[in-house]
């Protein structure tokens, strides 16, 4: 017999958030992790040369200060963050660039002719950033805590997710700035879901910034693991779970896995209707990732781009939309959209003195075996002449290799399921509590559940609170604050 109250399968950010929440409720908790290290997509490790620390997947964390779980957990008191004055940047041809500063007015002034239009678009959301976070951090079936924020957000998403997306703009800078963020979603552009995600992330960039954890993303998961152990929880690594039957007895099991792996692990116990719903869950586009060790900072043609922790490389709105839409049709663009993070410009612990790490990925069709390193280098070189000459080490992974490293990224889909509007309503099923499965005491807590992708811990936190209500009979949410 086991004395365990709860088992969590998977030690990514959502699995650890679930485990922390349950342990803080006074329950005995054990986490099983397939890999030799914890963290999933939030790990940090040497990937190119000794002394160069690279984030395996997530690098910059727009939700570190806005996620309700992280706010209650007191993440900002547990982990040191650098918060650049410029959250993100969009270099353009000819040495110009659009810069999204934390200060919305400064951003508007720097954009030029469209500055006022950009400020009018964003200001109602920035002023209601917590309401936007609440609305987007819960299932869409829930009544929002701040209805005004939800209305402002919905109207702006309708505009920027439709053919009207250029109606308020006359030049390239402001539309490119917005599209660079919306393109994170690996969806066709324009689309409602891409616009919603882009507006939410942009809101956080202006409200509190896009923080970079000192020491890498591993610092975030280590903080959660430390808290779990301090409250009696345990973590077992190098332990793959193939079936629910092989787990020790526990009142609740929470699985930080994608639906296809849940069906494999749960086996014949899954009712036919629920099985069919999970089998219809659709995975989305993929990433190819390229990490660089550099002998110096990226030589951006516009030096102000160095002030941003994140850079969206892809040119104008029209160019990025064409690139992303080609990928949605199964193609590979010659001039791709590239998402770039330059953490060592703000955290000297990431690389030897004077050297830098550069984190990049570009989008590809699901299951692509294409090595996109040359395409990434060419596109960065377009806006940073001489970049190629600074490369002293490189690690390139195609979409298949991305999945092999993390099975929660089917086909290289780091969102663990296409974040299209239909699958934000149905993630993975239409329910006010989509984390709860038909199996008694069994819950899903991965990014395949509401509210979807991102390092925010919310899927795990929501799933754990659902388990506390339905399996352990309490509606009291435990205090998560540092002690």
Protein backbone atom coordinates (compact mmCIF):
# COMPACT_ATOMS: atom_id res chain seq x y z
CA UNK A 1 0.00 0.00 0.00
CA UNK A 2 1.10 3.58 -0.66
CA UNK A 3 0.77 6.54 1.66
CA UNK A 4 0.62 8.94 -1.28
CA UNK A 5 -2.27 11.33 -1.71
CA UNK A 6 -1.31 12.48 -5.21
CA UNK A 7 1.00 11.56 -8.07
CA UNK A 8 2.03 13.98 -10.80
CA UNK A 9 3.46 12.62 -14.05
CA UNK A 10 5.79 15.12 -15.72
CA UNK A 11 8.03 17.75 -14.10
CA UNK A 12 7.51 20.60 -16.54
CA UNK A 13 6.23 23.98 -15.29
CA UNK A 14 2.60 22.81 -15.24
CA UNK A 15 3.34 19.51 -13.51
CA UNK A 16 5.42 21.26 -10.88
CA UNK A 17 2.75 23.94 -10.37
CA UNK A 18 0.21 21.18 -9.74
CA UNK A 19 2.55 19.40 -7.33
CA UNK A 20 3.35 22.59 -5.40
CA UNK A 21 -0.34 23.44 -5.04
CA UNK A 22 -1.23 19.99 -3.72
CA UNK A 23 1.74 19.84 -1.36
CA UNK A 24 0.87 23.29 0.00
CA UNK A 25 -2.61 21.86 0.76
CA UNK A 26 -0.94 19.40 3.11
CA UNK A 27 -1.05 16.39 0.79
CA UNK A 28 1.71 13.87 0.21
CA UNK A 29 2.88 14.27 -3.40
CA UNK A 30 5.30 12.43 -5.68
CA UNK A 31 6.35 13.59 -9.15
CA UNK A 32 7.61 11.20 -11.81
CA UNK A 33 9.75 12.64 -14.59
CA UNK A 34 10.82 10.69 -17.67
CA UNK A 35 14.01 12.69 -18.18
CA UNK A 36 17.12 12.92 -16.10
CA UNK A 37 16.47 16.58 -15.26
CA UNK A 38 13.32 18.48 -14.40
CA UNK A 39 11.81 21.45 -16.19
CA UNK A 40 10.60 20.22 -19.58
CA UNK A 41 10.64 23.24 -21.89
CA UNK A 42 11.97 25.48 -19.12
CA UNK A 43 15.37 23.82 -18.74
CA UNK A 44 18.72 25.56 -19.14
CA UNK A 45 21.89 23.73 -20.18
CA UNK A 46 25.11 23.89 -22.17
CA UNK A 47 24.19 23.14 -25.77
CA UNK A 48 27.00 24.64 -27.86
CA UNK A 49 30.26 25.19 -25.95
CA UNK A 50 31.30 24.87 -22.29
CA UNK A 51 30.29 27.92 -20.29
CA UNK A 52 27.47 28.97 -22.63
CA UNK A 53 24.08 28.42 -20.98
CA UNK A 54 21.14 28.04 -23.36
CA UNK A 55 17.43 27.75 -22.62
CA UNK A 56 16.09 24.56 -24.15
CA UNK A 57 12.73 26.04 -25.16
CA UNK A 58 11.37 29.04 -23.24
CA UNK A 59 13.77 31.93 -22.63
CA UNK A 60 11.83 35.14 -22.00
CA UNK A 61 8.78 35.04 -19.74
CA UNK A 62 6.00 37.57 -20.40
CA UNK A 63 3.73 35.72 -17.94
CA UNK A 64 6.20 35.51 -15.05
CA UNK A 65 4.65 38.59 -13.42
CA UNK A 66 1.12 38.28 -14.84
CA UNK A 67 0.20 34.60 -14.29
CA UNK A 68 -2.05 34.35 -11.25
CA UNK A 69 -0.25 31.20 -10.16
CA UNK A 70 3.13 32.92 -10.29
CA UNK A 71 1.73 35.97 -8.49
CA UNK A 72 0.38 33.80 -5.66
CA UNK A 73 3.59 31.76 -5.62
CA UNK A 74 5.60 34.98 -5.28
CA UNK A 75 7.90 34.11 -8.18
CA UNK A 76 9.37 37.59 -8.29
CA UNK A 77 10.52 37.18 -4.67
CA UNK A 78 12.07 33.77 -5.32
CA UNK A 79 13.88 34.33 -8.64
CA UNK A 80 15.98 37.26 -9.79
CA UNK A 81 14.84 38.72 -13.09
CA UNK A 82 16.25 41.24 -15.52
CA UNK A 83 13.48 43.35 -17.05
CA UNK A 84 14.72 45.19 -20.16
CA UNK A 85 13.39 48.68 -20.81
CA UNK A 86 12.45 47.41 -24.28
CA UNK A 87 10.32 44.27 -24.14
CA UNK A 88 10.60 43.44 -27.84
CA UNK A 89 11.84 44.93 -31.09
CA UNK A 90 11.10 44.60 -34.80
CA UNK A 91 14.03 45.49 -37.08
CA UNK A 92 13.11 46.74 -40.54
CA UNK A 93 15.11 47.20 -43.71
CA UNK A 94 17.26 50.29 -44.08
CA UNK A 95 18.40 50.31 -40.46
CA UNK A 96 15.06 51.36 -38.95
CA UNK A 97 13.23 49.45 -36.22
CA UNK A 98 10.07 49.50 -34.13
CA UNK A 99 10.75 49.18 -30.40
CA UNK A 100 8.15 48.20 -27.78
CA UNK A 101 9.31 49.85 -24.59
CA UNK A 102 7.65 49.16 -21.28
CA UNK A 103 6.62 52.81 -21.40
CA UNK A 104 3.70 52.91 -23.85
CA UNK A 105 4.05 56.65 -24.47
CA UNK A 106 7.74 56.27 -25.29
CA UNK A 107 6.82 53.47 -27.68
CA UNK A 108 4.24 55.66 -29.40
CA UNK A 109 6.73 58.51 -29.76
CA UNK A 110 9.33 56.20 -31.32
CA UNK A 111 6.95 54.66 -33.87
CA UNK A 112 6.31 57.92 -35.68
CA UNK A 113 3.20 58.69 -37.66
CA UNK A 114 1.25 55.68 -36.32
CA UNK A 115 2.29 56.22 -32.71
CA UNK A 116 -1.01 57.69 -31.56
CA UNK A 117 -2.98 54.95 -33.31
CA UNK A 118 -0.85 52.27 -31.63
CA UNK A 119 -1.30 53.91 -28.23
CA UNK A 120 -5.08 54.12 -28.68
CA UNK A 121 -5.14 50.42 -29.57
CA UNK A 122 -3.07 49.30 -26.59
CA UNK A 123 -3.84 51.75 -23.77
CA UNK A 124 -7.22 50.30 -22.65
CA UNK A 125 -5.57 46.89 -22.37
CA UNK A 126 -2.40 48.09 -20.64
CA UNK A 127 -4.51 49.96 -18.09
CA UNK A 128 -6.42 46.71 -17.45
CA UNK A 129 -3.51 44.27 -17.72
CA UNK A 130 -4.60 42.22 -14.70
CA UNK A 131 -8.10 41.91 -16.18
CA UNK A 132 -6.62 40.77 -19.50
CA UNK A 133 -4.50 38.22 -17.64
CA UNK A 134 -7.51 36.92 -15.73
CA UNK A 135 -9.63 36.65 -18.88
CA UNK A 136 -6.98 34.84 -20.93
CA UNK A 137 -5.78 32.68 -18.03
CA UNK A 138 -9.06 30.79 -17.54
CA UNK A 139 -11.38 28.73 -19.76
CA UNK A 140 -13.26 31.02 -22.12
CA UNK A 141 -16.57 29.65 -20.79
CA UNK A 142 -15.96 31.41 -17.48
CA UNK A 143 -17.49 34.81 -16.68
CA UNK A 144 -14.54 37.27 -16.62
CA UNK A 145 -13.66 38.99 -13.37
CA UNK A 146 -13.17 42.27 -15.28
CA UNK A 147 -15.85 42.41 -17.99
CA UNK A 148 -14.59 45.76 -19.30
CA UNK A 149 -11.13 44.29 -19.92
CA UNK A 150 -12.71 41.34 -21.73
CA UNK A 151 -14.78 43.64 -23.97
CA UNK A 152 -11.87 45.93 -24.85
CA UNK A 153 -9.72 42.87 -25.50
CA UNK A 154 -12.35 41.17 -27.67
CA UNK A 155 -12.97 44.23 -29.82
CA UNK A 156 -9.27 44.70 -30.47
CA UNK A 157 -8.75 41.03 -31.22
CA UNK A 158 -11.61 41.17 -33.75
CA UNK A 159 -9.92 44.10 -35.48
CA UNK A 160 -6.37 42.74 -35.50
CA UNK A 161 -7.56 39.21 -36.33
CA UNK A 162 -9.41 40.22 -39.50
CA UNK A 163 -8.89 41.99 -42.80
CA UNK A 164 -9.32 45.27 -40.90
CA UNK A 165 -5.97 44.85 -39.18
CA UNK A 166 -4.32 47.65 -41.19
CA UNK A 167 -7.26 50.07 -41.05
CA UNK A 168 -5.84 52.33 -38.35
CA UNK A 169 -2.23 52.36 -39.62
CA UNK A 170 -0.49 54.21 -42.44
CA UNK A 171 3.13 52.99 -42.15
CA UNK A 172 5.02 49.74 -41.54
CA UNK A 173 6.43 50.07 -38.01
CA UNK A 174 3.33 49.68 -35.82
CA UNK A 175 1.74 46.82 -37.81
CA UNK A 176 5.07 44.97 -37.87
CA UNK A 177 5.46 45.39 -34.11
CA UNK A 178 2.05 43.81 -33.49
CA UNK A 179 2.50 41.03 -36.03
CA UNK A 180 5.87 39.99 -34.64
CA UNK A 181 4.15 39.09 -31.39
CA UNK A 182 1.05 37.53 -32.95
CA UNK A 183 3.29 35.26 -35.01
CA UNK A 184 4.41 33.46 -31.84
CA UNK A 185 1.30 31.32 -32.24
CA UNK A 186 2.35 29.51 -35.46
CA UNK A 187 -1.08 30.26 -36.92
CA UNK A 188 -2.25 31.77 -40.19
CA UNK A 189 -2.28 35.58 -40.23
CA UNK A 190 -4.51 37.40 -39.69
CA UNK A 191 -6.53 35.18 -37.38
CA UNK A 192 -8.54 35.83 -34.23
CA UNK A 193 -6.54 33.51 -31.99
CA UNK A 194 -3.19 34.87 -33.17
CA UNK A 195 -4.39 38.42 -32.64
CA UNK A 196 -5.63 37.61 -29.15
CA UNK A 197 -2.35 36.03 -28.11
CA UNK A 198 -0.36 38.85 -29.64
CA UNK A 199 -2.41 41.55 -27.93
CA UNK A 200 -2.19 39.82 -24.55
CA UNK A 201 1.59 39.42 -24.76
CA UNK A 202 2.01 42.99 -26.00
CA UNK A 203 -0.12 44.20 -23.10
CA UNK A 204 2.18 42.51 -20.60
CA UNK A 205 5.21 43.95 -22.41
CA UNK A 206 3.95 47.48 -21.79
CA UNK A 207 2.42 46.86 -18.36
CA UNK A 208 5.27 45.11 -16.55
CA UNK A 209 7.78 44.05 -19.19
CA UNK A 210 9.02 40.73 -20.50
CA UNK A 211 11.33 39.45 -17.75
CA UNK A 212 14.41 37.28 -18.23
CA UNK A 213 15.30 34.97 -15.32
CA UNK A 214 18.88 35.35 -14.14
CA UNK A 215 20.67 32.05 -14.70
CA UNK A 216 18.13 30.87 -17.25
CA UNK A 217 14.61 29.46 -17.26
CA UNK A 218 15.86 26.63 -15.05
CA UNK A 219 15.73 29.13 -12.17
CA UNK A 220 11.92 29.14 -12.36
CA UNK A 221 11.46 25.38 -12.23
CA UNK A 222 14.14 25.03 -9.54
CA UNK A 223 12.20 27.50 -7.38
CA UNK A 224 9.07 25.37 -7.73
CA UNK A 225 10.97 22.15 -7.07
CA UNK A 226 12.57 23.64 -3.95
CA UNK A 227 9.17 24.68 -2.60
CA UNK A 228 7.71 21.26 -3.33
CA UNK A 229 10.46 19.49 -1.42
CA UNK A 230 10.22 21.97 1.46
CA UNK A 231 6.59 20.93 1.85
CA UNK A 232 7.22 17.19 1.83
CA UNK A 233 6.95 16.43 -1.88
CA UNK A 234 9.39 14.27 -3.78
CA UNK A 235 10.60 14.11 -7.39
CA UNK A 236 11.71 10.89 -9.08
CA UNK A 237 13.65 11.40 -12.32
CA UNK A 238 14.55 8.89 -15.06
CA UNK A 239 11.17 7.24 -14.51
CA UNK A 240 8.91 6.90 -17.52
CA UNK A 241 5.28 6.06 -16.81
CA UNK A 242 3.86 3.72 -19.44
CA UNK A 243 0.55 2.92 -17.76
CA UNK A 244 -1.62 4.11 -14.89
CA UNK A 245 -1.57 0.53 -13.63
CA UNK A 246 2.13 0.71 -12.82
CA UNK A 247 1.74 3.71 -10.48
CA UNK A 248 1.52 3.29 -6.71
CA UNK A 249 -1.91 3.76 -5.15
CA UNK A 250 -2.88 7.40 -4.80
CA UNK A 251 -6.17 9.24 -4.48
CA UNK A 252 -5.35 11.56 -7.39
CA UNK A 253 -3.14 11.34 -10.48
CA UNK A 254 -2.36 14.45 -12.50
CA UNK A 255 -0.71 14.00 -15.89
CA UNK A 256 1.38 16.72 -17.52
CA UNK A 257 1.14 14.99 -20.91
CA UNK A 258 -0.54 15.66 -24.25
CA UNK A 259 -3.85 13.91 -25.05
CA UNK A 260 -2.31 11.25 -27.28
CA UNK A 261 -0.01 10.15 -24.43
CA UNK A 262 -2.84 10.27 -21.91
CA UNK A 263 -4.78 7.81 -24.09
CA UNK A 264 -1.76 5.51 -24.25
CA UNK A 265 -1.13 5.67 -20.50
CA UNK A 266 -4.79 5.31 -19.51
CA UNK A 267 -5.48 2.54 -22.02
CA UNK A 268 -8.85 0.80 -22.18
CA UNK A 269 -10.16 2.59 -19.09
CA UNK A 270 -11.00 5.70 -21.14
CA UNK A 271 -14.70 5.89 -22.16
CA UNK A 272 -15.32 5.88 -25.89
CA UNK A 273 -16.77 9.38 -26.07
CA UNK A 274 -13.88 11.01 -24.23
CA UNK A 275 -11.38 8.95 -26.21
CA UNK A 276 -12.93 10.19 -29.44
CA UNK A 277 -12.74 13.80 -28.30
CA UNK A 278 -9.05 13.47 -27.44
CA UNK A 279 -8.31 11.69 -30.70
CA UNK A 280 -9.80 14.68 -32.54
CA UNK A 281 -7.54 17.10 -30.66
CA UNK A 282 -5.35 18.73 -33.29
CA UNK A 283 -1.65 19.48 -32.98
CA UNK A 284 -0.27 22.50 -34.77
CA UNK A 285 2.74 23.88 -36.58
CA UNK A 286 6.23 23.26 -35.34
CA UNK A 287 9.54 24.93 -34.63
CA UNK A 288 13.11 24.35 -35.71
CA UNK A 289 15.45 25.72 -33.06
CA UNK A 290 18.94 27.12 -33.48
CA UNK A 291 21.13 28.19 -30.54
CA UNK A 292 24.30 30.19 -31.05
CA UNK A 293 27.44 30.87 -29.05
CA UNK A 294 28.78 34.26 -30.16
CA UNK A 295 32.06 36.09 -29.66
CA UNK A 296 30.19 39.37 -29.20
CA UNK A 297 26.71 40.96 -29.22
CA UNK A 298 24.57 40.79 -32.34
CA UNK A 299 25.55 43.76 -34.57
CA UNK A 300 22.03 45.01 -35.26
CA UNK A 301 21.97 47.74 -37.89
CA UNK A 302 19.73 49.68 -35.54
CA UNK A 303 21.63 49.72 -32.25
CA UNK A 304 18.46 50.32 -30.20
CA UNK A 305 17.44 46.73 -31.00
CA UNK A 306 20.12 45.63 -28.52
CA UNK A 307 18.02 47.15 -25.73
CA UNK A 308 15.27 44.55 -26.27
CA UNK A 309 15.33 41.12 -24.69
CA UNK A 310 13.30 39.69 -27.58
CA UNK A 311 13.61 40.48 -31.28
CA UNK A 312 11.12 39.46 -33.97
CA UNK A 313 12.99 39.11 -37.23
CA UNK A 314 10.93 38.96 -40.37
CA UNK A 315 10.47 42.40 -41.86
CA UNK A 316 7.07 43.95 -42.46
CA UNK A 317 3.63 42.70 -41.48
CA UNK A 318 3.02 41.56 -45.04
CA UNK A 319 6.31 39.63 -45.16
CA UNK A 320 5.68 37.85 -41.87
CA UNK A 321 2.09 37.00 -42.80
CA UNK A 322 3.26 35.56 -46.13
CA UNK A 323 5.92 33.49 -44.34
CA UNK A 324 3.56 32.11 -41.70
CA UNK A 325 0.78 31.40 -44.18
CA UNK A 326 3.18 29.45 -46.39
CA UNK A 327 4.09 27.28 -43.39
CA UNK A 328 0.39 26.68 -42.72
CA UNK A 329 0.19 25.29 -46.27
CA UNK A 330 3.15 22.98 -45.66
CA UNK A 331 5.88 25.10 -47.26
CA UNK A 332 9.21 26.49 -46.09
CA UNK A 333 9.86 30.21 -46.72
CA UNK A 334 13.23 31.39 -47.96
CA UNK A 335 13.00 34.44 -45.66
CA UNK A 336 11.35 33.06 -42.52
CA UNK A 337 10.03 34.73 -39.41
CA UNK A 338 12.63 34.19 -36.67
CA UNK A 339 12.00 34.65 -32.97
CA UNK A 340 15.21 35.77 -31.24
CA UNK A 341 16.09 36.15 -27.55
CA UNK A 342 19.36 37.74 -26.46
CA UNK A 343 19.48 36.99 -22.70
CA UNK A 344 23.21 37.44 -22.23
CA UNK A 345 22.83 41.15 -22.94
CA UNK A 346 21.02 41.34 -19.58
CA UNK A 347 22.47 38.35 -17.68
CA UNK A 348 26.25 38.00 -17.73
CA UNK A 349 26.06 34.53 -16.14
CA UNK A 350 24.97 33.00 -19.45
CA UNK A 351 28.32 33.20 -21.28
CA UNK A 352 32.05 33.80 -20.69
CA UNK A 353 33.17 37.43 -20.33
CA UNK A 354 32.60 39.37 -23.55
CA UNK A 355 30.79 36.46 -25.20
CA UNK A 356 27.07 35.93 -25.74
CA UNK A 357 24.39 33.30 -26.29
CA UNK A 358 21.61 33.78 -28.81
CA UNK A 359 18.37 31.78 -28.69
CA UNK A 360 16.36 31.47 -31.90
CA UNK A 361 13.62 29.44 -33.45
CA UNK A 362 11.72 29.57 -36.70
CA UNK A 363 8.46 27.94 -37.71
CA UNK A 364 8.16 24.86 -39.91
CA UNK A 365 5.39 22.40 -40.80
CA UNK A 366 4.70 19.65 -38.29
CA UNK A 367 7.21 16.82 -38.43
CA UNK A 368 9.65 18.70 -40.66
CA UNK A 369 13.16 17.30 -40.90
CA UNK A 370 14.54 20.49 -42.46
CA UNK A 371 17.63 22.02 -40.87
CA UNK A 372 16.87 25.75 -40.85
CA UNK A 373 20.18 27.04 -39.49
CA UNK A 374 21.28 28.66 -42.77
CA UNK A 375 17.88 30.31 -43.28
CA UNK A 376 17.97 31.68 -39.74
CA UNK A 377 21.49 33.03 -40.15
CA UNK A 378 20.64 34.70 -43.47
CA UNK A 379 17.55 36.38 -42.03
CA UNK A 380 19.40 37.71 -38.98
CA UNK A 381 22.28 38.85 -41.19
CA UNK A 382 19.76 40.86 -43.22
CA UNK A 383 19.19 43.12 -40.20
CA UNK A 384 22.57 42.60 -38.48
CA UNK A 385 25.36 42.58 -41.10
CA UNK A 386 28.38 40.69 -39.82
CA UNK A 387 26.37 38.37 -37.55
CA UNK A 388 27.75 35.24 -39.23
CA UNK A 389 31.33 36.24 -38.37
CA UNK A 390 30.54 36.20 -34.62
CA UNK A 391 29.37 32.57 -34.49
CA UNK A 392 31.76 30.34 -32.53
CA UNK A 393 29.34 27.51 -31.78
CA UNK A 394 25.90 26.36 -32.89
CA UNK A 395 23.27 23.75 -32.07
CA UNK A 396 20.51 23.22 -34.63
CA UNK A 397 17.50 20.95 -34.13
CA UNK A 398 14.75 20.19 -36.61
CA UNK A 399 11.13 19.66 -35.60
CA UNK A 400 11.49 15.89 -35.28
CA UNK A 401 14.45 16.35 -32.94
CA UNK A 402 12.49 18.89 -30.90
CA UNK A 403 9.77 16.28 -30.37
CA UNK A 404 12.31 13.56 -29.56
CA UNK A 405 13.65 15.75 -26.77
CA UNK A 406 10.19 16.53 -25.37
CA UNK A 407 7.22 14.25 -26.18
CA UNK A 408 4.84 17.06 -25.15
CA UNK A 409 5.79 18.73 -28.47
CA UNK A 410 4.14 16.41 -31.03
CA UNK A 411 5.73 16.91 -34.43
CA UNK A 412 7.67 19.83 -32.94
CA UNK A 413 4.53 21.68 -31.77
CA UNK A 414 5.74 23.56 -28.67
CA UNK A 415 2.17 24.73 -27.96
CA UNK A 416 1.13 21.09 -27.25
CA UNK A 417 -1.87 21.59 -29.51
CA UNK A 418 -2.80 24.19 -32.12
CA UNK A 419 -3.90 27.36 -30.24
CA UNK A 420 -6.63 28.12 -32.80
CA UNK A 421 -9.88 29.60 -31.47
CA UNK A 422 -11.74 26.30 -31.64
CA UNK A 423 -9.09 24.64 -29.48
CA UNK A 424 -9.03 27.46 -26.98
CA UNK A 425 -12.73 26.77 -26.41
CA UNK A 426 -12.14 23.03 -26.55
CA UNK A 427 -8.85 22.40 -24.75
CA UNK A 428 -9.00 19.46 -24.83
CA UNK A 429 -12.79 19.29 -24.34
CA UNK A 430 -15.55 21.87 -23.89
CA UNK A 431 -15.96 22.11 -20.13
CA UNK A 432 -15.79 24.57 -17.27
CA UNK A 433 -13.22 22.18 -15.79
CA UNK A 434 -11.38 20.72 -18.78
CA UNK A 435 -8.59 19.32 -16.58
CA UNK A 436 -10.93 16.71 -15.07
CA UNK A 437 -11.15 13.43 -16.98
CA UNK A 438 -13.90 10.77 -16.75
CA UNK A 439 -11.52 8.53 -14.81
CA UNK A 440 -12.02 8.82 -11.06
CA UNK A 441 -9.26 10.94 -9.54
CA UNK A 442 -7.39 11.39 -12.84
CA UNK A 443 -6.66 14.86 -14.23
CA UNK A 444 -4.83 16.37 -17.20
CA UNK A 445 -2.58 19.35 -16.48
CA UNK A 446 -0.46 19.97 -19.58
CA UNK A 447 -0.50 22.90 -22.00
CA UNK A 448 -3.01 20.85 -24.00
CA UNK A 449 -5.53 21.96 -21.38
CA UNK A 450 -6.86 25.43 -20.66
CA UNK A 451 -5.53 28.11 -20.77
CA UNK A 452 -3.03 26.71 -23.27
CA UNK A 453 0.64 27.28 -24.08
CA UNK A 454 3.16 29.39 -22.22
CA UNK A 455 5.23 29.14 -19.06
CA UNK A 456 2.61 30.23 -16.55
CA UNK A 457 1.86 27.16 -14.43
CA UNK A 458 -1.85 27.88 -14.78
CA UNK A 459 -2.89 24.54 -16.29
CA UNK A 460 -1.25 22.72 -13.38
CA UNK A 461 -2.64 25.13 -10.80
CA UNK A 462 -6.17 24.88 -12.19
CA UNK A 463 -5.94 21.07 -12.38
CA UNK A 464 -4.70 20.82 -8.80
CA UNK A 465 -7.50 23.06 -7.54
CA UNK A 466 -9.98 20.89 -9.46
CA UNK A 467 -8.52 17.82 -7.76
CA UNK A 468 -8.78 19.50 -4.35
CA UNK A 469 -12.47 20.16 -4.98
CA UNK A 470 -13.53 16.87 -6.52
CA UNK A 471 -11.15 14.30 -5.05
CA UNK A 472 -10.24 15.79 -1.68
CA UNK A 473 -13.46 17.67 -0.97
CA UNK A 474 -12.12 21.15 -0.26
CA UNK A 475 -12.76 24.44 -2.07
CA UNK A 476 -10.05 26.25 -0.11
CA UNK A 477 -7.08 27.21 -2.29
CA UNK A 478 -3.81 26.81 -0.37
CA UNK A 479 -1.53 29.72 0.38
CA UNK A 480 1.41 29.55 -2.05
CA UNK A 481 3.37 32.59 -0.88
CA UNK A 482 7.04 32.27 0.13
CA UNK A 483 7.61 31.60 3.83
